[in-house]
Structure formats: C-alpha cells, structure tokens
Protein backbone atom coordinates (compact mmCIF):
# COMPACT_ATOMS: atom_id res chain seq x y z
CA MET A 1 -4.05 36.50 10.13
CA GLU A 2 -2.33 36.34 13.52
CA PHE A 3 -3.68 35.89 17.05
CA PHE A 4 -0.49 37.29 18.48
CA ARG A 5 3.05 38.19 17.52
CA ILE A 6 6.18 37.21 19.43
CA HIS A 7 8.69 40.03 19.21
CA LYS A 8 11.63 38.10 20.63
CA ASP A 9 12.75 34.99 18.79
CA ILE A 10 12.55 31.74 20.76
CA PRO A 11 15.90 29.86 20.74
CA PHE A 12 14.54 26.58 19.37
CA MET A 13 17.77 25.49 17.70
CA GLN A 14 19.79 25.94 20.89
CA ARG A 15 17.80 22.99 22.28
CA ALA A 16 17.77 21.04 19.02
CA LEU A 17 20.17 18.36 20.25
CA ILE A 18 17.97 17.53 23.24
CA PHE A 19 14.80 17.32 21.16
CA ASN A 20 16.54 15.29 18.46
CA ALA A 21 17.68 12.83 21.13
CA ILE A 22 14.07 12.52 22.33
CA SER A 23 12.92 12.00 18.74
CA LEU A 24 15.55 9.32 18.18
CA LEU A 25 14.57 7.43 21.33
CA THR A 26 10.88 7.62 20.41
CA PHE A 27 11.64 6.49 16.85
CA VAL A 28 13.75 3.53 18.06
CA ALA A 29 11.01 2.52 20.52
CA ALA A 30 8.39 2.63 17.73
CA VAL A 31 10.56 0.48 15.46
CA PHE A 32 11.14 -1.97 18.33
CA PHE A 33 7.40 -2.41 18.94
CA LEU A 34 6.77 -2.80 15.22
CA LEU A 35 9.36 -5.57 14.98
CA THR A 36 8.45 -7.39 18.21
CA ARG A 37 4.68 -6.97 18.43
CA GLY A 38 3.71 -6.10 14.87
CA LEU A 39 0.51 -4.48 13.68
CA HIS A 40 -2.92 -5.83 14.53
CA LEU A 41 -4.22 -5.95 10.95
CA SER A 42 -7.93 -5.73 10.19
CA VAL A 43 -10.04 -8.05 8.07
CA GLU A 44 -9.15 -6.10 4.90
CA PHE A 45 -5.56 -7.29 5.23
CA THR A 46 -5.93 -10.71 6.85
CA GLY A 47 -9.08 -11.93 5.12
CA GLY A 48 -12.41 -12.96 6.63
CA THR A 49 -16.16 -13.01 6.10
CA VAL A 50 -18.27 -10.01 5.08
CA LEU A 51 -21.97 -10.04 5.98
CA GLU A 52 -24.59 -7.64 4.69
CA VAL A 53 -27.57 -7.52 7.06
CA ASN A 54 -30.85 -5.66 6.65
CA TYR A 55 -33.15 -4.48 9.47
CA PRO A 56 -36.80 -3.40 9.14
CA GLN A 57 -35.99 -0.23 11.11
CA GLN A 58 -32.90 1.71 12.10
CA ALA A 59 -30.16 -0.67 13.19
CA GLN A 60 -28.74 -0.42 16.72
CA LEU A 61 -25.02 -0.93 16.29
CA GLU A 62 -23.88 -1.02 19.92
CA PRO A 63 -26.05 -4.01 20.94
CA LEU A 64 -24.91 -5.74 17.75
CA ARG A 65 -21.24 -5.17 18.63
CA ALA A 66 -21.89 -6.44 22.15
CA THR A 67 -23.46 -9.63 20.78
CA LEU A 68 -20.52 -10.21 18.44
CA GLY A 69 -18.13 -9.64 21.32
CA LYS A 70 -19.85 -12.39 23.32
CA LEU A 71 -19.44 -14.73 20.35
CA GLY A 72 -15.68 -14.14 20.38
CA TYR A 73 -15.62 -11.56 17.56
CA SER A 74 -14.33 -8.60 19.54
CA ASP A 75 -12.41 -7.46 16.43
CA ALA A 76 -15.46 -7.48 14.18
CA GLN A 77 -16.11 -4.29 12.21
CA VAL A 78 -19.73 -3.12 12.24
CA GLN A 79 -20.95 -0.11 10.28
CA THR A 80 -23.98 1.12 8.42
CA PHE A 81 -23.83 1.69 4.67
CA GLY A 82 -26.33 3.10 2.22
CA THR A 83 -29.13 3.54 4.77
CA SER A 84 -29.40 3.33 8.54
CA ARG A 85 -31.18 -0.07 8.14
CA ASP A 86 -28.34 -1.75 6.23
CA VAL A 87 -25.36 -3.00 8.24
CA LEU A 88 -22.03 -4.34 7.03
CA ILE A 89 -20.26 -6.80 9.34
CA ARG A 90 -16.65 -7.88 8.78
CA LEU A 91 -15.63 -10.97 10.72
CA PRO A 92 -12.04 -12.24 11.02
CA LEU A 93 -11.20 -15.77 10.00
CA LYS A 94 -12.01 -18.44 12.57
CA ALA A 95 -10.38 -21.87 12.56
CA GLY A 96 -12.71 -24.76 11.75
CA MET A 97 -15.55 -22.59 10.41
CA SER A 98 -16.43 -21.73 6.83
CA SER A 99 -17.99 -18.43 5.75
CA ALA A 100 -21.44 -20.05 5.56
CA GLN A 101 -21.08 -21.48 9.06
CA GLN A 102 -19.87 -18.13 10.43
CA SER A 103 -22.76 -16.24 8.87
CA GLU A 104 -25.36 -18.73 10.13
CA TYR A 105 -23.80 -18.72 13.60
CA VAL A 106 -23.83 -14.92 13.80
CA ILE A 107 -27.34 -14.42 12.43
CA ASN A 108 -28.80 -17.01 14.80
CA ALA A 109 -27.13 -15.29 17.76
CA VAL A 110 -28.26 -11.82 16.65
CA ASN A 111 -31.86 -12.99 16.19
CA ALA A 112 -31.95 -15.05 19.39
CA ASP A 113 -33.91 -12.42 21.31
CA THR A 114 -35.63 -10.32 18.66
CA PRO A 115 -35.55 -12.01 15.25
CA GLN A 116 -35.47 -9.08 12.85
CA ALA A 117 -32.09 -9.13 11.08
CA ARG A 118 -32.20 -10.51 7.56
CA LEU A 119 -29.03 -11.74 5.87
CA GLN A 120 -28.67 -10.16 2.43
CA ARG A 121 -25.22 -11.24 1.31
CA VAL A 122 -22.24 -13.30 2.48
CA GLU A 123 -18.82 -12.83 0.95
CA PHE A 124 -15.49 -14.42 1.73
CA VAL A 125 -12.41 -12.20 1.58
CA GLY A 126 -9.33 -14.37 1.13
CA PRO A 127 -5.92 -13.60 2.61
CA GLN A 128 -4.51 -13.17 -0.91
CA ILE A 129 -6.70 -10.10 -1.41
CA GLY A 130 -5.56 -8.80 1.94
CA LYS A 131 -1.93 -9.31 0.90
CA GLU A 132 -2.54 -7.36 -2.30
CA LEU A 133 -4.12 -4.52 -0.32
CA ALA A 134 -1.11 -4.43 2.00
CA VAL A 135 1.31 -4.33 -0.95
CA HIS A 136 -0.69 -1.61 -2.67
CA GLY A 137 -0.80 0.37 0.57
CA LEU A 138 2.99 0.18 0.91
CA LEU A 139 3.40 1.23 -2.72
CA ALA A 140 1.10 4.20 -2.13
CA LEU A 141 3.18 5.18 0.90
CA LEU A 142 6.40 4.86 -1.13
CA CYS A 143 4.98 6.97 -3.97
CA VAL A 144 3.99 9.70 -1.52
CA VAL A 145 7.48 9.75 0.02
CA LEU A 146 9.17 9.90 -3.40
CA GLY A 147 6.81 12.64 -4.55
CA ILE A 148 7.54 14.72 -1.48
CA SER A 149 11.30 14.24 -1.98
CA ILE A 150 11.13 15.41 -5.60
CA TYR A 151 8.90 18.35 -4.70
CA LEU A 152 11.18 19.59 -1.90
CA SER A 153 14.28 19.11 -4.03
CA PHE A 154 12.89 21.27 -6.83
CA ARG A 155 11.35 23.91 -4.59
CA PHE A 156 14.24 24.24 -2.14
CA GLU A 157 17.42 22.17 -2.08
CA TRP A 158 18.48 18.58 -1.42
CA LYS A 159 19.30 19.32 2.23
CA TYR A 160 15.71 20.41 2.81
CA ALA A 161 14.43 17.37 0.92
CA ILE A 162 16.36 15.03 3.23
CA ALA A 163 15.21 16.95 6.31
CA GLY A 164 11.58 16.88 5.19
CA ILE A 165 11.59 13.16 4.36
CA VAL A 166 13.22 12.21 7.66
CA ALA A 167 10.64 14.30 9.53
CA ASN A 168 7.74 12.73 7.60
CA LEU A 169 8.99 9.18 8.08
CA HIS A 170 9.45 10.03 11.76
CA ASP A 171 5.72 10.84 11.96
CA VAL A 172 4.68 7.68 10.10
CA ILE A 173 6.82 5.36 12.23
CA ILE A 174 5.58 7.01 15.44
CA ILE A 175 1.94 6.43 14.42
CA LEU A 176 2.65 2.81 13.52
CA GLY A 177 4.55 2.39 16.79
CA PHE A 178 1.51 3.52 18.78
CA PHE A 179 -0.70 1.05 16.92
CA ALA A 180 1.81 -1.75 17.46
CA PHE A 181 2.31 -1.02 21.18
CA PHE A 182 -1.41 -0.77 22.04
CA GLN A 183 -2.41 -3.37 19.42
CA TRP A 184 -5.01 -1.06 17.96
CA GLU A 185 -6.62 -2.36 14.79
CA PHE A 186 -4.83 -1.20 11.64
CA SER A 187 -7.32 -0.93 8.79
CA LEU A 188 -7.52 0.75 5.38
CA SER A 189 -9.00 3.86 7.00
CA VAL A 190 -5.96 4.09 9.30
CA LEU A 191 -3.68 3.74 6.28
CA ALA A 192 -5.59 6.62 4.67
CA ALA A 193 -5.00 8.65 7.84
CA VAL A 194 -1.25 7.92 7.68
CA LEU A 195 -1.12 9.14 4.07
CA ALA A 196 -3.05 12.26 5.05
CA VAL A 197 -0.59 12.94 7.87
CA LEU A 198 2.29 12.76 5.38
CA GLY A 199 0.79 15.56 3.31
CA TYR A 200 -0.18 17.54 6.37
CA SER A 201 3.27 17.29 7.91
CA VAL A 202 5.14 18.28 4.75
CA ASN A 203 2.89 21.33 4.44
CA GLU A 204 4.08 22.58 7.82
CA SER A 205 7.71 21.91 6.88
CA VAL A 206 7.29 23.84 3.62
CA VAL A 207 5.84 26.83 5.47
CA ILE A 208 8.86 26.93 7.80
CA PHE A 209 11.32 26.42 4.91
CA ASP A 210 9.64 29.26 3.00
CA ARG A 211 9.98 31.55 6.00
CA ILE A 212 13.65 30.57 6.35
CA ARG A 213 14.27 31.55 2.72
CA GLU A 214 12.38 34.80 3.21
CA THR A 215 14.39 35.62 6.34
CA PHE A 216 17.67 34.87 4.55
CA ARG A 217 16.73 37.50 1.97
CA LYS A 218 15.61 40.18 4.42
CA ALA A 219 18.03 39.74 7.33
CA ARG A 220 21.49 39.21 5.85
CA LYS A 221 23.31 39.86 9.12
CA LEU A 222 21.65 37.02 11.03
CA THR A 223 23.40 33.70 11.47
CA VAL A 224 21.84 30.46 10.21
CA ILE A 225 20.66 29.50 13.71
CA GLU A 226 19.14 32.95 14.25
CA VAL A 227 17.40 32.76 10.86
CA ILE A 228 15.84 29.37 11.67
CA ASN A 229 14.75 30.53 15.15
CA HIS A 230 13.14 33.63 13.64
CA ALA A 231 11.39 31.62 10.94
CA ILE A 232 9.88 29.18 13.43
CA THR A 233 8.91 31.90 15.91
CA SER A 234 7.20 33.99 13.22
CA THR A 235 5.03 31.02 12.14
CA ILE A 236 3.82 30.03 15.62
CA SER A 237 0.60 32.05 15.37
CA ARG A 238 -0.19 30.51 11.98
CA THR A 239 0.57 27.04 13.36
CA ILE A 240 -1.83 27.51 16.27
CA ILE A 241 -4.63 28.66 13.96
CA THR A 242 -4.31 25.94 11.32
CA HIS A 243 -3.36 22.99 13.51
CA GLY A 244 -5.69 24.03 16.32
CA SER A 245 -8.73 24.21 14.04
CA THR A 246 -7.82 20.90 12.37
CA GLN A 247 -7.23 19.22 15.70
CA MET A 248 -10.63 20.35 17.00
CA MET A 249 -12.33 18.74 14.01
CA VAL A 250 -10.34 15.51 14.43
CA LEU A 251 -11.08 15.41 18.18
CA ALA A 252 -14.79 15.81 17.38
CA MET A 253 -14.55 12.72 15.15
CA LEU A 254 -12.59 10.89 17.85
CA LEU A 255 -15.10 11.66 20.60
CA PHE A 256 -18.38 11.55 18.69
CA GLY A 257 -17.64 9.61 15.49
CA GLY A 258 -18.20 6.21 17.04
CA PRO A 259 -16.18 3.01 16.57
CA THR A 260 -16.14 3.34 12.78
CA LEU A 261 -14.08 6.54 12.85
CA HIS A 262 -12.28 5.90 16.14
CA PHE A 263 -8.93 4.56 14.91
CA PHE A 264 -8.96 6.79 11.83
CA SER A 265 -9.30 9.92 13.94
CA LEU A 266 -6.88 8.53 16.53
CA ALA A 267 -4.18 8.13 13.88
CA LEU A 268 -4.84 11.68 12.67
CA THR A 269 -4.64 13.04 16.22
CA ILE A 270 -1.26 11.41 16.83
CA GLY A 271 -0.01 12.42 13.39
CA ILE A 272 -1.00 16.09 13.72
CA LEU A 273 0.61 16.45 17.15
CA PHE A 274 3.85 14.78 16.08
CA GLY A 275 3.71 16.59 12.72
CA ILE A 276 4.00 19.94 14.49
CA TYR A 277 6.84 18.59 16.61
CA SER A 278 8.74 17.08 13.69
CA SER A 279 8.45 20.18 11.49
CA VAL A 280 10.05 22.35 14.18
CA PHE A 281 12.44 20.08 16.06
CA VAL A 282 13.23 17.46 13.40
CA ALA A 283 13.02 18.97 9.91
CA ALA A 284 14.49 22.38 10.78
CA ALA A 285 17.13 20.87 13.06
CA ILE A 286 18.26 18.30 10.47
CA ALA A 287 18.53 21.05 7.85
CA MET A 288 20.74 22.93 10.30
CA TRP A 289 22.91 19.84 10.98
CA LEU A 290 23.30 19.32 7.22
CA GLY A 291 24.86 22.77 6.98
CA VAL A 292 22.15 24.74 5.22
CA LYS A 293 23.26 28.24 4.31
CA ARG A 294 22.00 31.35 2.57
CA GLU A 295 23.56 30.35 -0.77
CA ASP A 296 21.50 27.15 -0.83
CA LEU A 297 18.30 29.13 -1.22
CA ILE A 298 19.42 32.44 -2.69
CA LYS A 299 21.68 32.16 -5.68
CA PRO A 300 24.20 35.03 -6.02
CA LEU A 301 23.55 37.39 -8.89
CA LYS A 302 26.00 37.16 -11.76
CA PRO A 303 27.54 40.49 -12.81
CA LYS A 304 26.33 41.81 -16.14
CA TYR A 305 28.89 43.08 -18.61
CA ASP A 306 28.45 45.47 -21.46
CA ARG A 307 29.43 43.66 -24.64
CA ASN A 308 30.44 46.95 -26.30
CA ASP A 309 32.87 47.75 -23.49
CA PRO A 310 36.35 46.46 -24.47
CA ASN A 311 37.35 46.34 -20.80
CA ALA A 312 34.27 44.29 -19.75
CA GLY A 313 35.23 41.36 -17.60
CA ALA A 314 38.86 42.48 -17.34
CA GLN A 315 40.58 41.90 -14.00
CA VAL A 316 43.15 44.24 -12.52
C-alpha cells in the first residue's frame, strides 16, 4: 500500500556526510550529558518505600500527587492497580526516616482534610534490589544488541550488521541523553521503551537493506550510491504509513495517558523519530562508507559443467 510514489530518486547519500556529522555531534552531546549529569533513576533502581492504599471510592490521583509534592516527594510514583480504588505509591528514600515513619507521615498528610485513605501494605525496596534491576536491564539491552547483530549478519552481511548496530546504539544513546539532560525520571517502563525502540529501529533498517538487495538484483547498471538512494526513496511511503500510525498512538499516550505513561511514551516518541533518521542517514550511510557492493548481497552463480564432457572446465 502506498499513499504516493516518488518517481525521481532523492539524493540522500550525497548529503550523508553532513547528516553523519550532525549525528556524531548529537551522539557526543548525549554521551557528555550522561557522563556529567547522569540519569535520574526511579525508585525501582535506587530503592525506597512502596505503599498500597485503599479508598472507599474511586481514587483521585492528581490531588494525591499534589499532596505528596508539598511533602517533598515530587518524584513519587502514584498509580492505580487492580481497581480504581487501590493506589500504589512509590516513595524515594529520605534521610533520617524509616519506611514505617514515611508511611505514617504520608497517610497522615493525605487524610488531613478528608480521612478516607486506608493503608493496606508497606514494603521497603532496598538499593540492592535496585542494583540488581539495573544490572538485569543492562544485560537485557546487551542481549538485544547481540541478537540484532547475529540476525543482520546471517540475513545480510557483516557490513550491514555493523551499520545496523551503530544506528541502533545511536538511537539508545540519544534517548538516554535526553533523559540525562532534562533529568527526566528513568524507570523500568522507560527501559522497556528503550528496548522496544531497538526492535522498532532495526525493523526499519531491515526494510531498507532488503530494498537495497532487491534493487541490486533488478538494476545492475546503477552505482552503489544510486541503489541506496533508490531504495530509501521507494520506502518513503511505507515509512510514513507505519511510523505515522505508530507515532499517533504514542502521542495519544503522551497527551492523554497521564503521569504513569508520560515518560514511557516520551521515550518512544524520541526513539521513533530518531529511529527513522538513523535508518536512513546513519545505517545506510555507514553501510556505504564500509564499501558495500552488489557481491556482498548477491553471490555470483558458479558455472555448471557437464561431467560427461571431456573438455568441461578446460581453459583456452
């Protein structure tokens, strides 16, 4: 399905050096912010107190968040679970206060005006658990990267595997750089969004690589640069349909999903936008710089000889 078809190939690769320079500067800036400012980790990673609160009727989350903000818990996570009357509150660690003291302090403040919240459960999440979650998250990220490398190597060629991995890591570092620069809260849901972006980005790269291989087979007179330009141009309509529809869904979560889905959808929004960019101007360009050629994707046919012919294979 296509909304439109561009009959003249757009010279993307003629501007590849400029876009790669922009990508490199953006990547370096993201790494700089990660090293200097770091990520603002959520309670899952740093440890804290988890409160389960029950209300006799539907809980109003915004007034609850406002109350916690006045108490100095602006980073507290508040969300419903199970039913609309059950609320889960995650509080960061506070010096000089135990979990019991934190829970009593919060419940008294919440019930100061209209005593209706009932504390169901208090649980302390230690920093050791948060460290394990961080390690497991990094291992998951590493496994995804290795899996993508192996997949691209088998399906295409090592040059495409390198190009695809560099493009995917470019997307991941850019997302983390945004979260480090603005000090947005990095939680498990954001980590899940980063892993989703990895798969989403490699899918776009595979589509372009497939079209490059197809163009190599059909148009043998085109140069490598012309083949890549044609492959990218011919997939623009498909890119607009798939990424546009996905982005509309993610924007709906960002605008109407509330605080619980805010940073998750924000990470997806950044990842999808940079995923399109990296697939075209990073992955394809790096494959071109690595010297990809027709023989990398299309193996030459070996001549068949007749075994009964005494002159088979003879050279003159």
